[in-house]
């Protein structure tokens, strides 16, 4: 039985200025690495029993009936510098199913590839598969991984590397940079069509560009707060990597902190620390200002719109802080709100910086302080713990249950991701499947045989830089 996908390709019905029709490039010897059967069922996909056929489809070698492959146009501010000539250089949207995009990443050259080969190597494909599915399991808005396929071909970066294709899904791949591209081209008709489409698809409650901007701002404020609450660093928060849906998109040189420091940077291309962990709340405000600028041509009264849009963007830092508190309070066992909570959390983070504490494990250890079985350094944290326990005395809910539901026991640690990739390059996928199993329920207590997944890296295991993979 061949694969059946109930396509309804709404993006392909938008003005042609928004995309280029482009079929994937077939590969030599596709082999299925992983297939997300549960996600496939949610998408209405049927006939997914034959691994060889799945490999053919999700490598781009065979197009399923109803597919309308295309590469999307967008522009971007990259590290603050304007680049008007971007687009899907190695990704092809084959269509939409049950309201979700299905995109092949690494499926060959497109009109937007410039000097790129349009391919992906195995490492970034597995990294995105693992981390995006962890984010979903942790309740964080994200694109998702449907399939990973070896291509049987090498790609060339600094050396020959095994090629692969990732199939990912998203509620859409519309980016801030999509709006920027049309605004820069003064394509007002296309811009209006894109706005109406984005409103209908994502924010049907929005009646005009201002309300749409406010909805996107709210979604992004919540997303950034969620990232901060698990120590996630996107690494490349350019406007083309900022989805208007409020989902995490484009897991390039992303990473999770081990030891906490607000200025932590892993991305090899972020040489000035623009996208450091602690800068992410400011950068998302900057990105939303670029979206506001791109929407201005649609406003009849530009001067009034500038004032309204400016107010919306200027209100965002307070909104981010509100969402930050909403997600950090449960991490220390709090459900109710008191005015001193922000200072209490900040003081804990300051102690963690000074003591070089592991971000994930420090929060996961806090319930043991309630039962007095903790191994936390009382000299460093003693005064804070006293203030915290006083604050907990005002809570009605069980603080241990609150903390355990808010703090993951395990994250995709960078050294474990790198070890998994190295094994896969040697055709050993057992570490990949083990990591996927452990990360599928990140808040659950770890089984004894899996405790090692919670360990920070040893000195020789530390990952100092992560790379985009293009």
Protein backbone atom coordinates (compact mmCIF):
# COMPACT_ATOMS: atom_id res chain seq x y z
CA UNK A 1 0.00 0.00 0.00
CA UNK A 2 1.44 3.38 -1.01
CA UNK A 3 1.48 6.34 1.32
CA UNK A 4 -1.69 8.42 1.40
CA UNK A 5 -1.55 12.03 2.62
CA UNK A 6 -4.74 14.16 2.59
CA UNK A 7 -3.15 17.26 1.09
CA UNK A 8 -4.85 20.65 1.01
CA UNK A 9 -2.14 23.01 -0.20
CA UNK A 10 -3.36 26.47 0.74
CA UNK A 11 0.05 28.18 0.53
CA UNK A 12 0.34 27.18 -3.12
CA UNK A 13 -2.83 29.18 -3.79
CA UNK A 14 -1.19 32.43 -2.62
CA UNK A 15 0.35 34.88 -5.13
CA UNK A 16 3.26 33.29 -6.98
CA UNK A 17 5.61 36.04 -5.75
CA UNK A 18 5.71 34.21 -2.42
CA UNK A 19 7.32 31.01 -3.69
CA UNK A 20 8.91 29.10 -6.53
CA UNK A 21 7.60 25.76 -7.69
CA UNK A 22 10.38 23.27 -7.12
CA UNK A 23 10.47 19.48 -6.96
CA UNK A 24 12.90 17.72 -4.62
CA UNK A 25 16.00 16.13 -6.11
CA UNK A 26 15.95 12.30 -5.85
CA UNK A 27 18.74 10.61 -3.92
CA UNK A 28 20.80 7.52 -4.66
CA UNK A 29 19.94 5.04 -1.90
CA UNK A 30 17.43 6.32 0.67
CA UNK A 31 17.15 4.39 3.93
CA UNK A 32 14.73 5.20 6.74
CA UNK A 33 16.32 6.18 10.06
CA UNK A 34 13.19 7.15 11.99
CA UNK A 35 9.49 7.69 11.36
CA UNK A 36 7.13 9.40 13.79
CA UNK A 37 4.05 7.19 13.50
CA UNK A 38 2.07 9.05 16.16
CA UNK A 39 2.58 12.37 14.40
CA UNK A 40 1.74 10.77 11.06
CA UNK A 41 -1.58 9.62 12.47
CA UNK A 42 -2.33 13.16 13.66
CA UNK A 43 -1.66 14.38 10.13
CA UNK A 44 -4.06 11.85 8.65
CA UNK A 45 -1.30 9.94 6.88
CA UNK A 46 -2.19 6.35 5.98
CA UNK A 47 -0.32 3.45 4.43
CA UNK A 48 2.90 4.01 6.38
CA UNK A 49 3.85 0.36 6.76
CA UNK A 50 6.62 -0.05 4.18
CA UNK A 51 9.95 1.39 5.39
CA UNK A 52 11.46 1.37 1.90
CA UNK A 53 8.50 3.32 0.48
CA UNK A 54 8.67 5.80 3.39
CA UNK A 55 12.35 6.31 2.66
CA UNK A 56 11.58 7.04 -0.98
CA UNK A 57 8.85 9.58 -0.11
CA UNK A 58 10.61 11.35 2.73
CA UNK A 59 13.89 11.63 0.88
CA UNK A 60 12.08 13.42 -1.95
CA UNK A 61 12.74 10.62 -4.44
CA UNK A 62 9.01 9.94 -4.88
CA UNK A 63 6.28 12.56 -4.56
CA UNK A 64 3.03 11.33 -2.99
CA UNK A 65 -0.21 12.01 -4.80
CA UNK A 66 -1.51 15.51 -4.18
CA UNK A 67 1.86 17.08 -3.35
CA UNK A 68 2.60 20.55 -4.75
CA UNK A 69 6.29 21.08 -3.98
CA UNK A 70 7.54 24.63 -3.59
CA UNK A 71 10.30 26.67 -2.00
CA UNK A 72 9.20 29.71 -0.01
CA UNK A 73 10.54 33.22 -0.44
CA UNK A 74 11.72 35.28 2.53
CA UNK A 75 14.29 37.89 3.47
CA UNK A 76 15.89 38.63 6.83
CA UNK A 77 17.94 40.68 9.17
CA UNK A 78 20.82 38.30 9.89
CA UNK A 79 22.77 39.33 12.98
CA UNK A 80 21.21 42.75 12.51
CA UNK A 81 22.27 43.12 8.86
CA UNK A 82 19.67 43.27 6.11
CA UNK A 83 19.70 40.52 3.50
CA UNK A 84 16.91 40.84 0.92
CA UNK A 85 17.80 37.70 -1.04
CA UNK A 86 16.90 34.63 0.97
CA UNK A 87 14.35 31.83 0.83
CA UNK A 88 14.25 28.07 1.25
CA UNK A 89 17.70 27.21 -0.04
CA UNK A 90 17.62 23.56 1.05
CA UNK A 91 14.02 22.95 2.03
CA UNK A 92 10.94 22.17 -0.03
CA UNK A 93 7.35 22.32 1.19
CA UNK A 94 5.58 19.37 -0.41
CA UNK A 95 2.16 20.37 0.92
CA UNK A 96 -0.14 20.66 3.90
CA UNK A 97 -2.10 17.98 5.73
CA UNK A 98 -4.64 18.54 8.49
CA UNK A 99 -3.53 22.18 8.64
CA UNK A 100 0.19 21.45 9.02
CA UNK A 101 3.04 22.01 6.59
CA UNK A 102 5.10 19.00 5.54
CA UNK A 103 8.56 20.11 4.53
CA UNK A 104 11.62 18.19 3.33
CA UNK A 105 14.83 19.74 4.66
CA UNK A 106 17.98 18.86 2.74
CA UNK A 107 16.08 17.81 -0.38
CA UNK A 108 18.17 19.57 -3.02
CA UNK A 109 18.82 22.92 -4.62
CA UNK A 110 16.12 25.56 -5.10
CA UNK A 111 16.08 28.98 -6.80
CA UNK A 112 17.12 30.42 -3.41
CA UNK A 113 20.14 28.16 -2.84
CA UNK A 114 22.70 30.68 -4.12
CA UNK A 115 26.05 28.89 -3.66
CA UNK A 116 24.62 26.13 -1.44
CA UNK A 117 24.17 22.50 -2.44
CA UNK A 118 20.66 22.26 -1.04
CA UNK A 119 21.59 19.22 1.00
CA UNK A 120 21.91 18.44 4.71
CA UNK A 121 24.31 16.16 6.44
CA UNK A 122 23.31 13.59 9.01
CA UNK A 123 24.35 15.52 12.14
CA UNK A 124 21.99 18.51 11.89
CA UNK A 125 19.15 16.24 10.78
CA UNK A 126 19.43 14.07 13.89
CA UNK A 127 20.00 17.08 16.14
CA UNK A 128 16.79 18.73 14.94
CA UNK A 129 14.85 15.48 15.14
CA UNK A 130 15.86 14.87 18.77
CA UNK A 131 15.61 18.43 20.04
CA UNK A 132 12.34 19.36 18.33
CA UNK A 133 10.66 16.21 19.66
CA UNK A 134 12.03 16.93 23.13
CA UNK A 135 10.60 20.44 22.95
CA UNK A 136 7.22 19.00 22.01
CA UNK A 137 7.37 16.53 24.91
CA UNK A 138 8.28 19.41 27.25
CA UNK A 139 5.22 21.39 26.11
CA UNK A 140 7.11 24.08 24.19
CA UNK A 141 5.68 25.30 20.85
CA UNK A 142 7.82 23.86 18.10
CA UNK A 143 8.09 22.44 14.64
CA UNK A 144 8.13 18.65 14.77
CA UNK A 145 10.03 15.80 13.17
CA UNK A 146 8.08 13.37 11.00
CA UNK A 147 10.92 11.38 9.44
CA UNK A 148 14.67 11.16 8.99
CA UNK A 149 16.21 9.42 6.00
CA UNK A 150 19.78 8.62 4.98
CA UNK A 151 20.38 9.53 1.35
CA UNK A 152 23.21 7.14 0.54
CA UNK A 153 25.16 10.13 -0.75
CA UNK A 154 27.91 12.23 0.78
CA UNK A 155 27.66 15.97 1.19
CA UNK A 156 30.74 18.15 1.40
CA UNK A 157 31.39 20.63 4.17
CA UNK A 158 34.94 20.70 5.50
CA UNK A 159 35.04 16.99 4.56
CA UNK A 160 32.71 14.37 3.06
CA UNK A 161 29.82 13.62 5.42
CA UNK A 162 26.83 11.28 5.16
CA UNK A 163 23.77 13.00 3.70
CA UNK A 164 20.28 12.93 5.16
CA UNK A 165 16.85 14.52 4.78
CA UNK A 166 14.63 15.65 7.64
CA UNK A 167 10.87 15.84 7.19
CA UNK A 168 9.46 18.39 9.58
CA UNK A 169 5.99 19.74 10.19
CA UNK A 170 4.83 23.14 11.36
CA UNK A 171 1.58 24.99 11.77
CA UNK A 172 3.20 27.06 9.01
CA UNK A 173 6.64 28.18 7.89
CA UNK A 174 5.65 31.85 7.60
CA UNK A 175 8.40 33.97 9.10
CA UNK A 176 8.92 37.59 10.01
CA UNK A 177 11.25 37.55 7.01
CA UNK A 178 8.40 36.49 4.74
CA UNK A 179 6.65 39.78 5.44
CA UNK A 180 9.92 41.65 5.16
CA UNK A 181 10.60 40.26 1.69
CA UNK A 182 7.32 41.53 0.25
CA UNK A 183 7.55 44.89 2.02
CA UNK A 184 11.07 45.42 0.65
CA UNK A 185 9.83 44.66 -2.85
CA UNK A 186 6.91 47.04 -2.33
CA UNK A 187 4.59 44.18 -3.26
CA UNK A 188 1.58 45.59 -1.44
CA UNK A 189 -0.89 43.22 -3.05
CA UNK A 190 1.20 40.20 -2.07
CA UNK A 191 1.75 41.62 1.42
CA UNK A 192 -1.99 42.08 1.92
CA UNK A 193 -2.67 38.55 0.71
CA UNK A 194 -0.01 37.15 3.05
CA UNK A 195 -1.41 39.07 6.03
CA UNK A 196 -4.95 37.88 5.38
CA UNK A 197 -3.73 34.33 4.95
CA UNK A 198 -1.66 34.45 8.16
CA UNK A 199 -4.61 35.86 10.10
CA UNK A 200 -6.97 33.17 8.84
CA UNK A 201 -4.46 30.41 9.51
CA UNK A 202 -3.11 31.50 12.88
CA UNK A 203 -4.95 34.42 14.46
CA UNK A 204 -8.55 34.57 13.20
CA UNK A 205 -9.43 36.87 16.11
CA UNK A 206 -7.25 39.63 14.62
CA UNK A 207 -9.20 42.18 12.58
CA UNK A 208 -6.34 44.33 11.24
CA UNK A 209 -2.52 44.57 11.04
CA UNK A 210 -2.20 46.03 14.54
CA UNK A 211 -4.16 43.25 16.15
CA UNK A 212 -2.19 40.70 14.14
CA UNK A 213 1.06 42.26 15.38
CA UNK A 214 -0.20 42.13 18.97
CA UNK A 215 -1.09 38.45 18.60
CA UNK A 216 2.33 37.58 17.21
CA UNK A 217 3.99 39.58 19.99
CA UNK A 218 2.03 37.65 22.63
CA UNK A 219 2.95 34.30 21.07
CA UNK A 220 6.62 35.20 20.84
CA UNK A 221 6.73 36.54 24.40
CA UNK A 222 5.43 33.22 25.66
CA UNK A 223 7.86 31.24 23.49
CA UNK A 224 10.93 33.12 24.69
CA UNK A 225 9.86 32.73 28.30
CA UNK A 226 9.52 28.98 27.76
CA UNK A 227 12.98 28.82 26.21
CA UNK A 228 14.43 30.64 29.18
CA UNK A 229 12.72 28.31 31.62
CA UNK A 230 14.60 25.27 30.28
CA UNK A 231 17.94 26.92 29.51
CA UNK A 232 17.52 26.80 25.73
CA UNK A 233 19.62 28.97 23.43
CA UNK A 234 18.38 29.21 19.86
CA UNK A 235 21.68 30.51 18.58
CA UNK A 236 20.47 32.26 15.41
CA UNK A 237 17.42 34.41 16.16
CA UNK A 238 17.48 36.16 12.80
CA UNK A 239 14.13 37.36 11.50
CA UNK A 240 14.02 34.48 9.01
CA UNK A 241 14.22 32.08 11.98
CA UNK A 242 11.29 33.73 13.74
CA UNK A 243 7.96 32.05 12.87
CA UNK A 244 4.85 34.20 13.21
CA UNK A 245 3.03 31.17 14.66
CA UNK A 246 5.11 31.41 17.85
CA UNK A 247 6.75 28.02 17.28
CA UNK A 248 10.44 27.25 17.69
CA UNK A 249 11.85 26.88 14.20
CA UNK A 250 15.22 26.16 12.57
CA UNK A 251 17.30 24.21 15.08
CA UNK A 252 20.73 25.10 13.73
CA UNK A 253 23.47 25.80 16.29
CA UNK A 254 20.99 25.59 19.15
CA UNK A 255 22.06 24.28 22.55
CA UNK A 256 21.04 23.84 26.18
CA UNK A 257 23.03 25.32 29.01
CA UNK A 258 24.81 23.04 31.43
CA UNK A 259 26.26 25.51 33.96
CA UNK A 260 24.10 28.60 34.27
CA UNK A 261 25.36 31.93 33.02
CA UNK A 262 23.11 34.50 31.35
CA UNK A 263 25.67 35.34 28.67
CA UNK A 264 26.20 31.75 27.54
CA UNK A 265 26.83 31.40 23.79
CA UNK A 266 27.42 28.19 21.84
CA UNK A 267 26.80 29.18 18.22
CA UNK A 268 30.06 29.32 16.26
CA UNK A 269 28.70 32.12 14.07
CA UNK A 270 27.53 34.32 16.97
CA UNK A 271 30.92 35.88 17.56
CA UNK A 272 29.62 38.96 19.37
CA UNK A 273 27.10 37.15 21.59
CA UNK A 274 24.12 38.87 20.00
CA UNK A 275 21.97 35.79 20.61
CA UNK A 276 23.36 34.80 24.01
CA UNK A 277 20.92 33.17 26.41
CA UNK A 278 20.22 36.34 28.37
CA UNK A 279 19.85 38.50 25.25
CA UNK A 280 16.96 36.51 23.80
CA UNK A 281 14.20 38.61 25.44
CA UNK A 282 15.67 41.78 23.93
CA UNK A 283 16.25 40.24 20.51
CA UNK A 284 12.66 39.08 20.17
CA UNK A 285 11.50 42.66 20.79
CA UNK A 286 13.89 43.80 18.04
CA UNK A 287 12.48 41.15 15.70
CA UNK A 288 8.92 42.25 16.42
CA UNK A 289 9.91 45.83 15.57
CA UNK A 290 11.00 44.53 12.15
CA UNK A 291 7.64 42.81 11.68
CA UNK A 292 5.88 46.05 12.60
CA UNK A 293 7.95 47.93 10.02
CA UNK A 294 7.05 45.38 7.35
CA UNK A 295 3.33 45.80 8.11
CA UNK A 296 3.36 49.60 7.86
CA UNK A 297 2.70 49.74 4.08
CA UNK A 298 -0.70 48.18 4.75
CA UNK A 299 -1.83 51.02 7.03
CA UNK A 300 -3.78 53.93 5.51
CA UNK A 301 -2.48 56.42 8.07
CA UNK A 302 1.22 55.77 8.37
CA UNK A 303 1.89 58.35 11.09
CA UNK A 304 -0.87 57.02 13.33
CA UNK A 305 0.23 53.44 12.62
CA UNK A 306 3.81 54.18 13.64
CA UNK A 307 2.57 55.40 17.00
CA UNK A 308 0.30 52.37 17.51
CA UNK A 309 2.91 49.86 16.40
CA UNK A 310 5.56 51.53 18.55
CA UNK A 311 3.33 51.27 21.60
CA UNK A 312 2.73 47.57 20.89
CA UNK A 313 6.45 46.83 20.56
CA UNK A 314 7.38 48.94 23.59
CA UNK A 315 4.85 47.00 25.68
CA UNK A 316 6.55 43.72 24.84
CA UNK A 317 9.36 43.65 27.46
CA UNK A 318 6.81 43.81 30.26
CA UNK A 319 4.85 41.03 28.56
CA UNK A 320 7.96 38.87 28.28
CA UNK A 321 8.66 39.46 31.97
CA UNK A 322 5.11 38.47 32.88
CA UNK A 323 5.39 35.23 30.92
CA UNK A 324 8.89 34.63 32.34
CA UNK A 325 7.47 34.82 35.85
CA UNK A 326 4.56 32.61 34.86
CA UNK A 327 6.97 29.86 33.79
CA UNK A 328 9.64 30.36 36.48
CA UNK A 329 7.35 30.49 39.51
CA UNK A 330 6.45 26.77 39.24
CA UNK A 331 10.14 25.94 38.90
CA UNK A 332 10.53 26.96 42.54
CA UNK A 333 7.18 25.52 43.63
CA UNK A 334 4.97 28.59 43.41
CA UNK A 335 1.44 28.78 42.03
CA UNK A 336 0.30 32.04 43.61
CA UNK A 337 1.76 35.45 42.81
CA UNK A 338 3.53 37.82 45.17
CA UNK A 339 5.45 40.96 44.37
CA UNK A 340 8.79 39.65 45.66
CA UNK A 341 8.77 36.54 43.44
CA UNK A 342 10.84 38.09 40.63
CA UNK A 343 13.56 39.12 43.06
CA UNK A 344 13.53 35.69 44.71
CA UNK A 345 14.03 33.94 41.36
CA UNK A 346 16.67 36.44 40.27
CA UNK A 347 18.60 35.86 43.49
CA UNK A 348 18.60 32.12 42.87
CA UNK A 349 19.91 32.61 39.35
CA UNK A 350 22.61 34.95 40.68
CA UNK A 351 23.69 32.26 43.17
CA UNK A 352 23.76 29.74 40.32
CA UNK A 353 25.98 32.03 38.26
CA UNK A 354 28.38 32.57 41.13
CA UNK A 355 28.58 28.87 41.98
CA UNK A 356 28.71 27.66 38.35
CA UNK A 357 25.68 25.49 39.03
CA UNK A 358 24.04 23.20 36.51
CA UNK A 359 20.80 24.86 35.38
CA UNK A 360 18.63 21.78 34.94
CA UNK A 361 19.87 19.80 37.93
CA UNK A 362 19.72 22.72 40.36
CA UNK A 363 16.01 23.17 39.76
CA UNK A 364 15.40 19.42 39.77
CA UNK A 365 17.20 19.24 43.13
CA UNK A 366 15.02 21.85 44.84
CA UNK A 367 12.31 19.38 45.99
CA UNK A 368 14.98 17.63 48.03
CA UNK A 369 15.50 20.86 49.96
CA UNK A 370 11.88 20.61 51.07
CA UNK A 371 12.50 17.10 52.39
CA UNK A 372 15.99 18.06 53.59
CA UNK A 373 17.76 15.40 51.53
CA UNK A 374 19.51 17.84 49.22
CA UNK A 375 23.13 17.90 48.18
CA UNK A 376 23.06 21.63 47.36
CA UNK A 377 25.83 23.66 48.96
CA UNK A 378 24.21 25.22 52.03
CA UNK A 379 27.04 27.76 52.31
CA UNK A 380 26.24 29.18 48.88
CA UNK A 381 22.46 28.85 48.92
CA UNK A 382 21.63 28.91 52.63
CA UNK A 383 20.18 32.42 52.93
CA UNK A 384 18.24 32.02 49.72
CA UNK A 385 16.78 28.70 50.85
CA UNK A 386 15.53 30.31 54.08
CA UNK A 387 13.78 33.09 52.15
CA UNK A 388 12.38 30.56 49.67
CA UNK A 389 10.95 28.31 52.36
CA UNK A 390 9.29 31.31 53.97
CA UNK A 391 7.70 32.11 50.62
CA UNK A 392 6.59 28.48 50.19
CA UNK A 393 4.72 28.66 53.49
CA UNK A 394 2.09 30.82 51.76
CA UNK A 395 1.39 28.19 49.10
CA UNK A 396 -1.60 25.84 49.16
CA UNK A 397 -0.41 23.34 46.53
CA UNK A 398 2.22 20.70 47.17
CA UNK A 399 5.45 22.49 46.11
CA UNK A 400 7.23 19.23 45.31
CA UNK A 401 4.55 18.20 42.81
CA UNK A 402 4.59 21.70 41.31
CA UNK A 403 8.37 21.65 40.87
CA UNK A 404 8.53 18.13 39.46
CA UNK A 405 5.94 19.03 36.83
CA UNK A 406 7.83 22.20 35.85
CA UNK A 407 11.44 21.02 35.91
CA UNK A 408 12.61 18.35 33.47
CA UNK A 409 14.75 15.56 34.86
CA UNK A 410 16.56 15.34 31.55
CA UNK A 411 17.33 17.60 28.58
CA UNK A 412 19.17 16.96 25.29
CA UNK A 413 22.61 17.73 26.65
CA UNK A 414 25.05 18.94 24.05
CA UNK A 415 27.70 16.30 24.73
CA UNK A 416 25.10 13.55 24.46
CA UNK A 417 23.83 14.94 21.17
CA UNK A 418 27.37 15.05 19.78
CA UNK A 419 28.08 11.49 20.95
CA UNK A 420 24.83 10.32 19.35
CA UNK A 421 25.77 11.97 16.05
CA UNK A 422 29.27 10.47 16.10
CA UNK A 423 27.79 7.01 16.61
CA UNK A 424 25.30 7.52 13.78
CA UNK A 425 28.07 8.54 11.39
CA UNK A 426 29.52 5.09 12.14
CA UNK A 427 26.08 3.63 11.32
CA UNK A 428 25.21 2.98 14.98
CA UNK A 429 21.75 4.38 15.68
CA UNK A 430 21.27 2.81 19.11
CA UNK A 431 22.28 6.04 20.95
CA UNK A 432 19.78 8.00 18.82
CA UNK A 433 16.92 5.67 19.69
CA UNK A 434 17.93 5.53 23.37
CA UNK A 435 18.05 9.33 23.55
CA UNK A 436 14.64 9.59 21.89
CA UNK A 437 13.19 7.13 24.40
CA UNK A 438 14.55 8.93 27.45
CA UNK A 439 13.58 12.39 26.22
CA UNK A 440 10.01 11.39 25.35
CA UNK A 441 8.92 11.91 28.99
CA UNK A 442 11.34 14.57 30.27
CA UNK A 443 9.55 15.29 33.55
CA UNK A 444 9.27 11.66 34.65
CA UNK A 445 11.78 10.23 37.14
CA UNK A 446 14.60 8.48 35.35
CA UNK A 447 14.94 4.71 35.57
CA UNK A 448 18.17 3.61 37.30
CA UNK A 449 19.73 2.55 34.01
CA UNK A 450 19.04 6.01 32.54
CA UNK A 451 20.42 8.20 35.35
CA UNK A 452 23.50 8.95 33.29
CA UNK A 453 21.40 11.04 30.91
CA UNK A 454 21.00 13.62 33.67
CA UNK A 455 24.74 14.00 34.26
CA UNK A 456 26.50 17.19 33.14
CA UNK A 457 29.50 16.68 30.88
CA UNK A 458 32.86 15.83 32.28
CA UNK A 459 35.58 18.33 31.45
CA UNK A 460 36.74 16.38 28.39
CA UNK A 461 33.12 16.01 27.19
CA UNK A 462 32.22 19.69 27.25
CA UNK A 463 30.88 21.14 24.01
CA UNK A 464 32.09 24.72 23.58
CA UNK A 465 30.64 25.45 20.13
CA UNK A 466 27.72 24.29 18.03
CA UNK A 467 27.47 24.65 14.27
CA UNK A 468 24.76 25.38 11.76
CA UNK A 469 25.57 22.50 9.40
CA UNK A 470 24.95 24.35 6.13
